[in-house]
Amino acid sequence: MDTHMRYNLSSYLQSIDQGNNLAANKARAHFTLSGYHFNPDDITRLIGIEPTSVDASGARSALDKPIISSWELSTETMTDNIDVYKMTDIIIKKIEPAKEKILQVIKSHNLSSRIGVVLVLSIDKNESVPDVGFGARTIRFLAEIGAFINVDYQLS
């Protein structure tokens, strides 16, 4: 660890000791389709589900400089009673009826699919750490479409 990082970490820990308020845990779950050279609006039209966010960068990129586009359906960011099982189940219930269409666009557009969980965990010792897991329905659906799972966490 370099000197600058040690100083910043030391300053941060001192501010905690002086009683500064700490952030609460936060989390959200998302289902994402990503790949090169596709327009996310086409995916929305083909599967009939409105995404919460898109990145169409790849739709405008040159073939010799591939850039990834993405189509994402996300839960709201939660701060109280974080339940990863419930958050991912909410996503699966929304996309499950479109499973065949999702499989078609994955194949036709050469896309990668994943369910992701983004956790921002408080360093407050009084904050509980949420369980991270996935129910049978979620795992079955992800296996059927060939999706992978990504858990991204940060400390706040």
C-alpha atoms as a PDB file:
ATOM      1  CA  MET A   1       0.000   0.000   0.000  1.00  0.00           C
ATOM      2  CA  ASP A   2       1.480   3.337  -0.981  1.00  0.00           C
ATOM      3  CA  THR A   3       1.886   6.236   1.460  1.00  0.00           C
ATOM      4  CA  HIS A   4      -0.996   8.242  -0.022  1.00  0.00           C
ATOM      5  CA  MET A   5      -3.451   5.351   0.380  1.00  0.00           C
ATOM      6  CA  ARG A   6      -2.263   4.687   3.945  1.00  0.00           C
ATOM      7  CA  TYR A   7      -2.763   8.360   4.825  1.00  0.00           C
ATOM      8  CA  ASN A   8      -6.273   8.450   3.307  1.00  0.00           C
ATOM      9  CA  LEU A   9      -7.261   5.226   5.072  1.00  0.00           C
ATOM     10  CA  SER A  10      -5.785   6.465   8.344  1.00  0.00           C
ATOM     11  CA  SER A  11      -7.643   9.794   8.035  1.00  0.00           C
ATOM     12  CA  TYR A  12     -10.860   7.978   7.228  1.00  0.00           C
ATOM     13  CA  LEU A  13     -10.556   5.636  10.210  1.00  0.00           C
ATOM     14  CA  GLN A  14      -9.797   8.590  12.503  1.00  0.00           C
ATOM     15  CA  SER A  15     -12.929  10.372  11.311  1.00  0.00           C
ATOM     16  CA  ILE A  16     -14.918   7.243  12.168  1.00  0.00           C
ATOM     17  CA  ASP A  17     -13.426   7.168  15.658  1.00  0.00           C
ATOM     18  CA  GLN A  18     -14.484  10.795  16.123  1.00  0.00           C
ATOM     19  CA  GLY A  19     -18.128   9.772  15.806  1.00  0.00           C
ATOM     20  CA  ASN A  20     -18.900  10.714  12.205  1.00  0.00           C
ATOM     21  CA  ASN A  21     -22.024   9.065  10.831  1.00  0.00           C
ATOM     22  CA  LEU A  22     -21.481   5.971   8.735  1.00  0.00           C
ATOM     23  CA  ALA A  23     -23.424   5.047   5.648  1.00  0.00           C
ATOM     24  CA  ALA A  24     -25.969   2.231   5.768  1.00  0.00           C
ATOM     25  CA  ASN A  25     -25.783  -0.894   3.619  1.00  0.00           C
ATOM     26  CA  LYS A  26     -27.181  -0.492   0.103  1.00  0.00           C
ATOM     27  CA  ALA A  27     -27.975  -3.073  -2.553  1.00  0.00           C
ATOM     28  CA  ARG A  28     -29.625  -3.594  -5.904  1.00  0.00           C
ATOM     29  CA  ALA A  29     -30.028  -6.541  -8.253  1.00  0.00           C
ATOM     30  CA  HIS A  30     -30.005  -6.453 -12.042  1.00  0.00           C
ATOM     31  CA  PHE A  31     -30.356  -8.655 -15.102  1.00  0.00           C
ATOM     32  CA  THR A  32     -28.067  -7.595 -17.919  1.00  0.00           C
ATOM     33  CA  LEU A  33     -27.641  -8.552 -21.548  1.00  0.00           C
ATOM     34  CA  SER A  34     -24.361  -7.331 -23.003  1.00  0.00           C
ATOM     35  CA  GLY A  35     -22.368  -7.741 -26.186  1.00  0.00           C
ATOM     36  CA  TYR A  36     -20.714  -6.028 -29.111  1.00  0.00           C
ATOM     37  CA  HIS A  37     -22.347  -4.042 -31.894  1.00  0.00           C
ATOM     38  CA  PHE A  38     -26.004  -4.182 -30.907  1.00  0.00           C
ATOM     39  CA  ASN A  39     -28.637  -1.577 -30.260  1.00  0.00           C
ATOM     40  CA  PRO A  40     -30.378  -2.085 -26.891  1.00  0.00           C
ATOM     41  CA  ASP A  41     -33.575  -0.599 -28.355  1.00  0.00           C
ATOM     42  CA  ASP A  42     -33.751  -3.654 -30.633  1.00  0.00           C
ATOM     43  CA  ILE A  43     -33.607  -5.908 -27.560  1.00  0.00           C
ATOM     44  CA  THR A  44     -36.404  -3.950 -25.875  1.00  0.00           C
ATOM     45  CA  ARG A  45     -38.557  -4.295 -28.989  1.00  0.00           C
ATOM     46  CA  LEU A  46     -37.811  -8.026 -29.398  1.00  0.00           C
ATOM     47  CA  ILE A  47     -38.376  -9.150 -25.795  1.00  0.00           C
ATOM     48  CA  GLY A  48     -41.081  -6.632 -24.901  1.00  0.00           C
ATOM     49  CA  ILE A  49     -39.670  -5.537 -21.534  1.00  0.00           C
ATOM     50  CA  GLU A  50     -38.692  -1.942 -20.815  1.00  0.00           C
ATOM     51  CA  PRO A  51     -35.163  -1.781 -19.315  1.00  0.00           C
ATOM     52  CA  THR A  52     -34.168   0.471 -16.435  1.00  0.00           C
ATOM     53  CA  SER A  53     -30.960   1.449 -18.249  1.00  0.00           C
ATOM     54  CA  VAL A  54     -29.149   0.899 -21.536  1.00  0.00           C
ATOM     55  CA  ASP A  55     -25.750   1.649 -22.988  1.00  0.00           C
ATOM     56  CA  ALA A  56     -25.774   1.813 -26.782  1.00  0.00           C
ATOM     57  CA  SER A  57     -22.057   2.587 -27.175  1.00  0.00           C
ATOM     58  CA  GLY A  58     -21.442  -0.603 -29.152  1.00  0.00           C
ATOM     59  CA  ALA A  59     -24.203   0.181 -31.637  1.00  0.00           C
ATOM     60  CA  ARG A  60     -22.162   3.134 -32.885  1.00  0.00           C
ATOM     61  CA  SER A  61     -18.684   1.594 -32.704  1.00  0.00           C
ATOM     62  CA  ALA A  62     -16.616   0.568 -35.694  1.00  0.00           C
ATOM     63  CA  LEU A  63     -16.106  -3.135 -36.322  1.00  0.00           C
ATOM     64  CA  ASP A  64     -12.349  -2.767 -35.801  1.00  0.00           C
ATOM     65  CA  LYS A  65     -12.896  -1.142 -32.362  1.00  0.00           C
ATOM     66  CA  PRO A  66     -15.548  -3.208 -30.588  1.00  0.00           C
ATOM     67  CA  ILE A  67     -17.315  -1.552 -27.676  1.00  0.00           C
ATOM     68  CA  ILE A  68     -19.823  -3.282 -25.449  1.00  0.00           C
ATOM     69  CA  SER A  69     -23.481  -2.289 -25.370  1.00  0.00           C
ATOM     70  CA  SER A  70     -25.801  -3.355 -22.562  1.00  0.00           C
ATOM     71  CA  TRP A  71     -29.468  -3.714 -21.738  1.00  0.00           C
ATOM     72  CA  GLU A  72     -30.307  -3.807 -18.009  1.00  0.00           C
ATOM     73  CA  LEU A  73     -33.348  -4.378 -15.838  1.00  0.00           C
ATOM     74  CA  SER A  74     -32.667  -3.405 -12.231  1.00  0.00           C
ATOM     75  CA  THR A  75     -34.422  -3.219  -8.899  1.00  0.00           C
ATOM     76  CA  GLU A  76     -34.436   0.011  -6.948  1.00  0.00           C
ATOM     77  CA  THR A  77     -31.480   0.465  -4.598  1.00  0.00           C
ATOM     78  CA  MET A  78     -32.522  -0.795  -1.164  1.00  0.00           C
ATOM     79  CA  THR A  79     -31.124   0.397   2.153  1.00  0.00           C
ATOM     80  CA  ASP A  80     -33.311  -1.295   4.748  1.00  0.00           C
ATOM     81  CA  ASN A  81     -33.872  -5.014   5.207  1.00  0.00           C
ATOM     82  CA  ILE A  82     -31.695  -6.010   2.263  1.00  0.00           C
ATOM     83  CA  ASP A  83     -32.833  -9.395   0.965  1.00  0.00           C
ATOM     84  CA  VAL A  84     -30.795 -10.554  -2.037  1.00  0.00           C
ATOM     85  CA  TYR A  85     -33.025 -13.612  -2.493  1.00  0.00           C
ATOM     86  CA  LYS A  86     -36.088 -11.375  -2.779  1.00  0.00           C
ATOM     87  CA  MET A  87     -34.408  -8.796  -5.033  1.00  0.00           C
ATOM     88  CA  THR A  88     -33.248 -11.401  -7.549  1.00  0.00           C
ATOM     89  CA  ASP A  89     -36.648 -13.119  -7.417  1.00  0.00           C
ATOM     90  CA  ILE A  90     -38.300  -9.789  -8.345  1.00  0.00           C
ATOM     91  CA  ILE A  91     -36.092  -9.587 -11.439  1.00  0.00           C
ATOM     92  CA  ILE A  92     -36.663 -13.217 -12.435  1.00  0.00           C
ATOM     93  CA  LYS A  93     -40.458 -12.864 -12.129  1.00  0.00           C
ATOM     94  CA  LYS A  94     -40.301  -9.920 -14.569  1.00  0.00           C
ATOM     95  CA  ILE A  95     -38.147 -11.644 -17.201  1.00  0.00           C
ATOM     96  CA  GLU A  96     -39.288 -15.260 -16.858  1.00  0.00           C
ATOM     97  CA  PRO A  97     -42.337 -14.839 -19.155  1.00  0.00           C
ATOM     98  CA  ALA A  98     -39.977 -13.644 -21.918  1.00  0.00           C
ATOM     99  CA  LYS A  99     -37.536 -16.562 -21.540  1.00  0.00           C
ATOM    100  CA  GLU A 100     -37.884 -17.833 -25.130  1.00  0.00           C
ATOM    101  CA  LYS A 101     -37.500 -14.321 -26.547  1.00  0.00           C
ATOM    102  CA  ILE A 102     -34.448 -13.739 -24.323  1.00  0.00           C
ATOM    103  CA  LEU A 103     -32.906 -16.989 -25.585  1.00  0.00           C
ATOM    104  CA  GLN A 104     -33.554 -15.880 -29.174  1.00  0.00           C
ATOM    105  CA  VAL A 105     -31.882 -12.474 -28.747  1.00  0.00           C
ATOM    106  CA  ILE A 106     -28.932 -14.006 -26.903  1.00  0.00           C
ATOM    107  CA  LYS A 107     -28.374 -16.292 -29.882  1.00  0.00           C
ATOM    108  CA  SER A 108     -29.193 -13.831 -32.691  1.00  0.00           C
ATOM    109  CA  HIS A 109     -27.138 -10.961 -31.212  1.00  0.00           C
ATOM    110  CA  ASN A 110     -24.394 -13.104 -29.610  1.00  0.00           C
ATOM    111  CA  LEU A 111     -25.089 -11.669 -26.146  1.00  0.00           C
ATOM    112  CA  SER A 112     -23.932 -12.581 -22.680  1.00  0.00           C
ATOM    113  CA  SER A 113     -26.530 -12.701 -19.899  1.00  0.00           C
ATOM    114  CA  ARG A 114     -26.053 -12.330 -16.180  1.00  0.00           C
ATOM    115  CA  ILE A 115     -27.783 -11.574 -12.936  1.00  0.00           C
ATOM    116  CA  GLY A 116     -25.827  -9.196 -10.781  1.00  0.00           C
ATOM    117  CA  VAL A 117     -25.997  -7.968  -7.242  1.00  0.00           C
ATOM    118  CA  VAL A 118     -24.329  -4.708  -6.268  1.00  0.00           C
ATOM    119  CA  LEU A 119     -23.690  -4.396  -2.526  1.00  0.00           C
ATOM    120  CA  VAL A 120     -22.291  -1.336  -0.795  1.00  0.00           C
ATOM    121  CA  LEU A 121     -21.568  -2.500   2.727  1.00  0.00           C
ATOM    122  CA  SER A 122     -21.197  -0.220   5.701  1.00  0.00           C
ATOM    123  CA  ILE A 123     -18.141  -0.581   7.897  1.00  0.00           C
ATOM    124  CA  ASP A 124     -20.356   0.279  10.868  1.00  0.00           C
ATOM    125  CA  LYS A 125     -20.052  -2.652  13.280  1.00  0.00           C
ATOM    126  CA  ASN A 126     -23.702  -2.159  14.275  1.00  0.00           C
ATOM    127  CA  GLU A 127     -24.919  -2.738  10.685  1.00  0.00           C
ATOM    128  CA  SER A 128     -25.788  -6.359   9.921  1.00  0.00           C
ATOM    129  CA  VAL A 129     -24.293  -7.984   6.838  1.00  0.00           C
ATOM    130  CA  PRO A 130     -26.962  -9.139   4.372  1.00  0.00           C
ATOM    131  CA  ASP A 131     -27.098 -12.777   3.292  1.00  0.00           C
ATOM    132  CA  VAL A 132     -26.119 -13.235  -0.312  1.00  0.00           C
ATOM    133  CA  GLY A 133     -27.700 -16.173  -2.078  1.00  0.00           C
ATOM    134  CA  PHE A 134     -30.029 -17.183  -4.861  1.00  0.00           C
ATOM    135  CA  GLY A 135     -33.225 -19.218  -4.731  1.00  0.00           C
ATOM    136  CA  ALA A 136     -33.946 -22.341  -6.745  1.00  0.00           C
ATOM    137  CA  ARG A 137     -36.210 -20.454  -9.185  1.00  0.00           C
ATOM    138  CA  THR A 138     -33.447 -17.946  -9.954  1.00  0.00           C
ATOM    139  CA  ILE A 139     -30.761 -20.613 -10.349  1.00  0.00           C
ATOM    140  CA  ARG A 140     -33.000 -22.745 -12.589  1.00  0.00           C
ATOM    141  CA  PHE A 141     -33.845 -19.789 -14.833  1.00  0.00           C
ATOM    142  CA  LEU A 142     -30.225 -18.678 -15.103  1.00  0.00           C
ATOM    143  CA  ALA A 143     -29.134 -22.218 -15.994  1.00  0.00           C
ATOM    144  CA  GLU A 144     -31.844 -22.461 -18.665  1.00  0.00           C
ATOM    145  CA  ILE A 145     -30.634 -19.320 -20.439  1.00  0.00           C
ATOM    146  CA  GLY A 146     -26.909 -19.913 -19.832  1.00  0.00           C
ATOM    147  CA  ALA A 147     -26.474 -16.844 -17.636  1.00  0.00           C
ATOM    148  CA  PHE A 148     -23.817 -16.274 -15.028  1.00  0.00           C
ATOM    149  CA  ILE A 149     -23.920 -14.585 -11.630  1.00  0.00           C
ATOM    150  CA  ASN A 150     -21.885 -11.576 -10.605  1.00  0.00           C
ATOM    151  CA  VAL A 151     -21.709 -10.153  -7.069  1.00  0.00           C
ATOM    152  CA  ASP A 152     -19.997  -6.786  -6.836  1.00  0.00           C
ATOM    153  CA  TYR A 153     -19.349  -5.344  -3.406  1.00  0.00           C
ATOM    154  CA  GLN A 154     -17.752  -2.212  -2.010  1.00  0.00           C
ATOM    155  CA  LEU A 155     -17.183  -0.888   1.483  1.00  0.00           C
ATOM    156  CA  SER A 156     -18.549   2.496   2.468  1.00  0.00           C
END
